[in-house]
Amino acid sequence: MKRIAVFDFDGTITRKDTLIAFIRFVKGSLGLYWGMFAHLPWLLLMKLRLCDNGKTKERVFGWFFRGMSIEQFNKLGQQFYEAQADNLLYADAVQAIKEHNQKGDKVVVVSASIENWILPFASALQADGLLGTQAEVKNGRLTGKFSTKNCYGREKVERLKQWLQENGIKDSYVIAYGDSRGDKELLDFANEKHYKSFKQ
């Protein structure tokens, strides 16, 4: 039986939501605040669960990044990692991932955030897989849309099942780490669950 350690990213491995942190890094605080203010009605409806989480996030993502070249977007993701990793990552989450790696467990990072800016973090942590929301690209530029479902809630379980199948893993013991409502289905699916495990 193969042990699979599945880590949510935002709030579990990191101290804060990286969508907000990445927007601030790229657009500055003023740009972030203006964009959030422009989307305040949708954000409030999302908080009240009257508007779809994924559609709201897609709308915000498109506002900030539509039309940017994928080359530039990936470059910014790498720069974001280099500038912010030390402040963003929980040291005990990094240690837990290292221990899973040392045991020979497969480590998978799963997140509702966009894969492109998580990839440098996942690579540095020697994760075996990264499952996140994917941005749509046409003619080398971001359309502002998502090419996959928002990787949130039940979708995290579906993406993990797909990853297990693609990697030929039929018999697995899943250890899941999460911190929010968006991880509930993943934690319920796991054989072993850890909720808000990392503090520093």
Protein backbone atom coordinates (compact mmCIF):
# COMPACT_ATOMS: atom_id res chain seq x y z
CA MET A 1 0.00 0.00 0.00
CA LYS A 2 1.40 3.38 -1.05
CA ARG A 3 1.24 6.24 1.44
CA ILE A 4 0.14 9.54 -0.10
CA ALA A 5 0.59 12.75 1.91
CA VAL A 6 -1.73 15.42 0.49
CA PHE A 7 -1.21 19.02 1.58
CA ASP A 8 -3.53 21.94 0.96
CA PHE A 9 -1.41 24.98 0.11
CA ASP A 10 -3.02 28.27 1.20
CA GLY A 11 -3.28 28.47 4.98
CA THR A 12 -1.83 25.00 5.50
CA ILE A 13 1.68 25.18 4.04
CA THR A 14 1.54 28.99 3.89
CA ARG A 15 0.59 31.58 6.48
CA LYS A 16 -1.91 33.38 4.22
CA ASP A 17 -3.89 33.19 1.00
CA THR A 18 -1.37 33.41 -1.84
CA LEU A 19 -3.88 34.80 -4.36
CA ILE A 20 -3.99 38.05 -2.39
CA ALA A 21 -0.25 37.95 -1.70
CA PHE A 22 0.57 37.33 -5.37
CA ILE A 23 -1.69 40.12 -6.59
CA ARG A 24 -0.09 42.54 -4.11
CA PHE A 25 3.39 41.39 -5.23
CA VAL A 26 2.57 42.00 -8.90
CA LYS A 27 0.22 45.00 -8.75
CA GLY A 28 1.17 46.68 -5.46
CA SER A 29 -1.11 47.38 -2.51
CA LEU A 30 -2.96 50.19 -4.28
CA GLY A 31 -3.69 47.99 -7.29
CA LEU A 32 -4.86 45.18 -5.02
CA TYR A 33 -7.21 47.41 -3.04
CA TRP A 34 -8.70 48.98 -6.16
CA GLY A 35 -9.35 45.58 -7.74
CA MET A 36 -10.91 44.21 -4.56
CA PHE A 37 -13.11 47.30 -4.22
CA ALA A 38 -14.27 46.89 -7.82
CA HIS A 39 -15.35 43.33 -7.02
CA LEU A 40 -16.81 43.99 -3.58
CA PRO A 41 -20.40 42.96 -4.47
CA TRP A 42 -19.28 39.57 -5.78
CA LEU A 43 -16.90 39.03 -2.86
CA LEU A 44 -19.67 39.75 -0.36
CA LEU A 45 -22.06 37.39 -2.15
CA MET A 46 -19.37 34.71 -2.15
CA LYS A 47 -18.85 35.12 1.60
CA LEU A 48 -22.60 34.73 2.08
CA ARG A 49 -22.48 31.63 -0.16
CA LEU A 50 -24.88 33.26 -2.58
CA CYS A 51 -22.35 33.30 -5.42
CA ASP A 52 -20.13 30.52 -6.74
CA ASN A 53 -16.62 30.58 -5.27
CA GLY A 54 -14.95 29.60 -8.54
CA LYS A 55 -16.79 32.13 -10.71
CA THR A 56 -15.96 34.95 -8.31
CA LYS A 57 -12.29 33.97 -8.19
CA GLU A 58 -12.18 33.70 -11.99
CA ARG A 59 -13.65 37.19 -12.30
CA VAL A 60 -11.03 38.62 -9.92
CA PHE A 61 -8.21 36.71 -11.61
CA GLY A 62 -9.26 37.99 -15.02
CA TRP A 63 -9.40 41.59 -13.80
CA PHE A 64 -5.76 41.49 -12.74
CA PHE A 65 -4.10 39.16 -15.25
CA ARG A 66 -6.12 38.97 -18.50
CA GLY A 67 -3.84 39.58 -21.48
CA MET A 68 -0.56 38.94 -19.68
CA SER A 69 1.82 36.62 -21.51
CA ILE A 70 2.18 33.20 -19.92
CA GLU A 71 5.96 33.66 -20.06
CA GLN A 72 5.73 36.81 -17.94
CA PHE A 73 3.18 35.22 -15.61
CA ASN A 74 5.46 32.24 -14.93
CA LYS A 75 8.44 34.56 -14.44
CA LEU A 76 6.47 36.53 -11.84
CA GLY A 77 5.57 33.27 -10.10
CA GLN A 78 9.25 32.39 -9.75
CA GLN A 79 10.08 35.90 -8.51
CA PHE A 80 7.21 35.69 -6.01
CA TYR A 81 8.63 32.45 -4.61
CA GLU A 82 12.15 33.86 -4.33
CA ALA A 83 10.95 37.04 -2.60
CA GLN A 84 8.21 35.65 -0.36
CA ALA A 85 8.93 31.99 0.49
CA ASP A 86 10.76 32.68 3.75
CA ASN A 87 7.90 34.81 5.07
CA LEU A 88 5.03 32.72 3.68
CA LEU A 89 5.94 29.14 4.56
CA TYR A 90 5.23 27.52 7.91
CA ALA A 91 8.52 25.96 9.03
CA ASP A 92 6.73 23.03 10.65
CA ALA A 93 4.80 22.36 7.42
CA VAL A 94 8.08 22.30 5.50
CA GLN A 95 9.48 19.89 8.11
CA ALA A 96 6.42 17.63 7.85
CA ILE A 97 6.80 17.45 4.08
CA LYS A 98 10.50 16.68 4.46
CA GLU A 99 9.69 13.84 6.86
CA HIS A 100 7.14 12.37 4.44
CA ASN A 101 9.74 12.54 1.67
CA GLN A 102 12.29 10.79 3.87
CA LYS A 103 9.80 7.99 4.60
CA GLY A 104 9.29 7.43 0.89
CA ASP A 105 5.71 8.71 0.90
CA LYS A 106 4.37 10.42 -2.21
CA VAL A 107 3.74 14.10 -1.49
CA VAL A 108 0.99 15.94 -3.37
CA VAL A 109 0.14 19.65 -3.05
CA VAL A 110 -3.50 20.43 -3.87
CA SER A 111 -4.87 23.96 -4.00
CA ALA A 112 -7.64 26.18 -5.31
CA SER A 113 -4.95 28.72 -6.22
CA ILE A 114 -3.41 28.89 -9.68
CA GLU A 115 -0.76 26.24 -10.32
CA ASN A 116 1.73 28.63 -11.94
CA TRP A 117 2.75 30.52 -8.82
CA ILE A 118 2.57 27.41 -6.60
CA LEU A 119 4.90 25.39 -8.85
CA PRO A 120 8.17 26.96 -7.60
CA PHE A 121 7.11 26.23 -3.99
CA ALA A 122 6.08 22.64 -4.81
CA SER A 123 9.33 22.04 -6.69
CA ALA A 124 11.45 23.35 -3.80
CA LEU A 125 9.50 21.12 -1.39
CA GLN A 126 10.17 18.13 -3.68
CA ALA A 127 6.48 17.38 -4.09
CA ASP A 128 5.62 14.51 -6.41
CA GLY A 129 2.46 16.18 -7.65
CA LEU A 130 0.78 19.57 -7.88
CA LEU A 131 -2.98 19.80 -8.37
CA GLY A 132 -4.35 23.32 -8.64
CA THR A 133 -6.66 25.51 -10.65
CA GLN A 134 -5.29 25.99 -14.15
CA ALA A 135 -5.38 29.26 -16.06
CA GLU A 136 -6.53 29.23 -19.68
CA VAL A 137 -3.93 30.34 -22.22
CA LYS A 138 -4.54 31.24 -25.86
CA ASN A 139 -1.88 32.47 -28.27
CA GLY A 140 0.58 32.63 -25.39
CA ARG A 141 -1.55 34.93 -23.25
CA LEU A 142 -3.87 34.51 -20.28
CA THR A 143 -7.54 34.79 -21.24
CA GLY A 144 -8.58 35.56 -17.67
CA LYS A 145 -10.56 32.31 -17.57
CA PHE A 146 -9.80 28.95 -15.96
CA SER A 147 -9.19 25.89 -18.12
CA THR A 148 -10.20 23.54 -15.27
CA LYS A 149 -12.77 23.61 -12.53
CA ASN A 150 -11.82 25.63 -9.46
CA CYS A 151 -9.83 23.11 -7.39
CA TYR A 152 -11.93 23.58 -4.26
CA GLY A 153 -14.00 21.26 -2.09
CA ARG A 154 -15.09 18.11 -3.90
CA GLU A 155 -12.90 18.98 -6.89
CA LYS A 156 -9.79 18.40 -4.76
CA VAL A 157 -10.89 14.79 -4.23
CA GLU A 158 -11.67 14.30 -7.93
CA ARG A 159 -8.29 15.69 -8.98
CA LEU A 160 -6.51 13.49 -6.44
CA LYS A 161 -8.35 10.39 -7.68
CA GLN A 162 -7.34 11.29 -11.22
CA TRP A 163 -3.70 11.74 -10.15
CA LEU A 164 -3.67 8.36 -8.40
CA GLN A 165 -5.07 6.69 -11.50
CA GLU A 166 -2.62 8.44 -13.83
CA ASN A 167 0.28 7.32 -11.64
CA GLY A 168 -0.93 3.71 -11.46
CA ILE A 169 -1.58 3.81 -7.72
CA LYS A 170 -4.48 1.47 -6.98
CA ASP A 171 -3.89 0.72 -3.30
CA SER A 172 -3.22 3.86 -1.26
CA TYR A 173 -3.30 5.22 2.28
CA VAL A 174 -4.09 8.93 2.08
CA ILE A 175 -2.89 11.35 4.76
CA ALA A 176 -4.48 14.78 4.27
CA TYR A 177 -3.58 18.16 5.74
CA GLY A 178 -6.00 21.09 5.49
CA ASP A 179 -7.19 24.21 7.26
CA SER A 180 -10.50 25.41 5.83
CA ARG A 181 -13.98 24.65 4.51
CA GLY A 182 -12.46 24.10 1.08
CA ASP A 183 -10.59 21.06 2.44
CA LYS A 184 -13.55 19.32 4.11
CA GLU A 185 -14.20 16.80 1.34
CA LEU A 186 -10.49 16.03 1.03
CA LEU A 187 -10.16 15.45 4.78
CA ASP A 188 -13.28 13.25 4.76
CA PHE A 189 -11.85 11.21 1.88
CA ALA A 190 -8.51 10.60 3.61
CA ASN A 191 -7.61 7.60 5.74
CA GLU A 192 -5.85 9.96 8.14
CA LYS A 193 -6.62 13.66 8.56
CA HIS A 194 -4.79 16.61 10.09
CA TYR A 195 -6.64 19.90 10.50
CA LYS A 196 -4.78 23.16 11.18
CA SER A 197 -1.68 21.23 12.20
CA PHE A 198 0.94 23.92 11.56
CA LYS A 199 1.40 27.02 13.67
CA GLN A 200 4.90 28.35 13.00
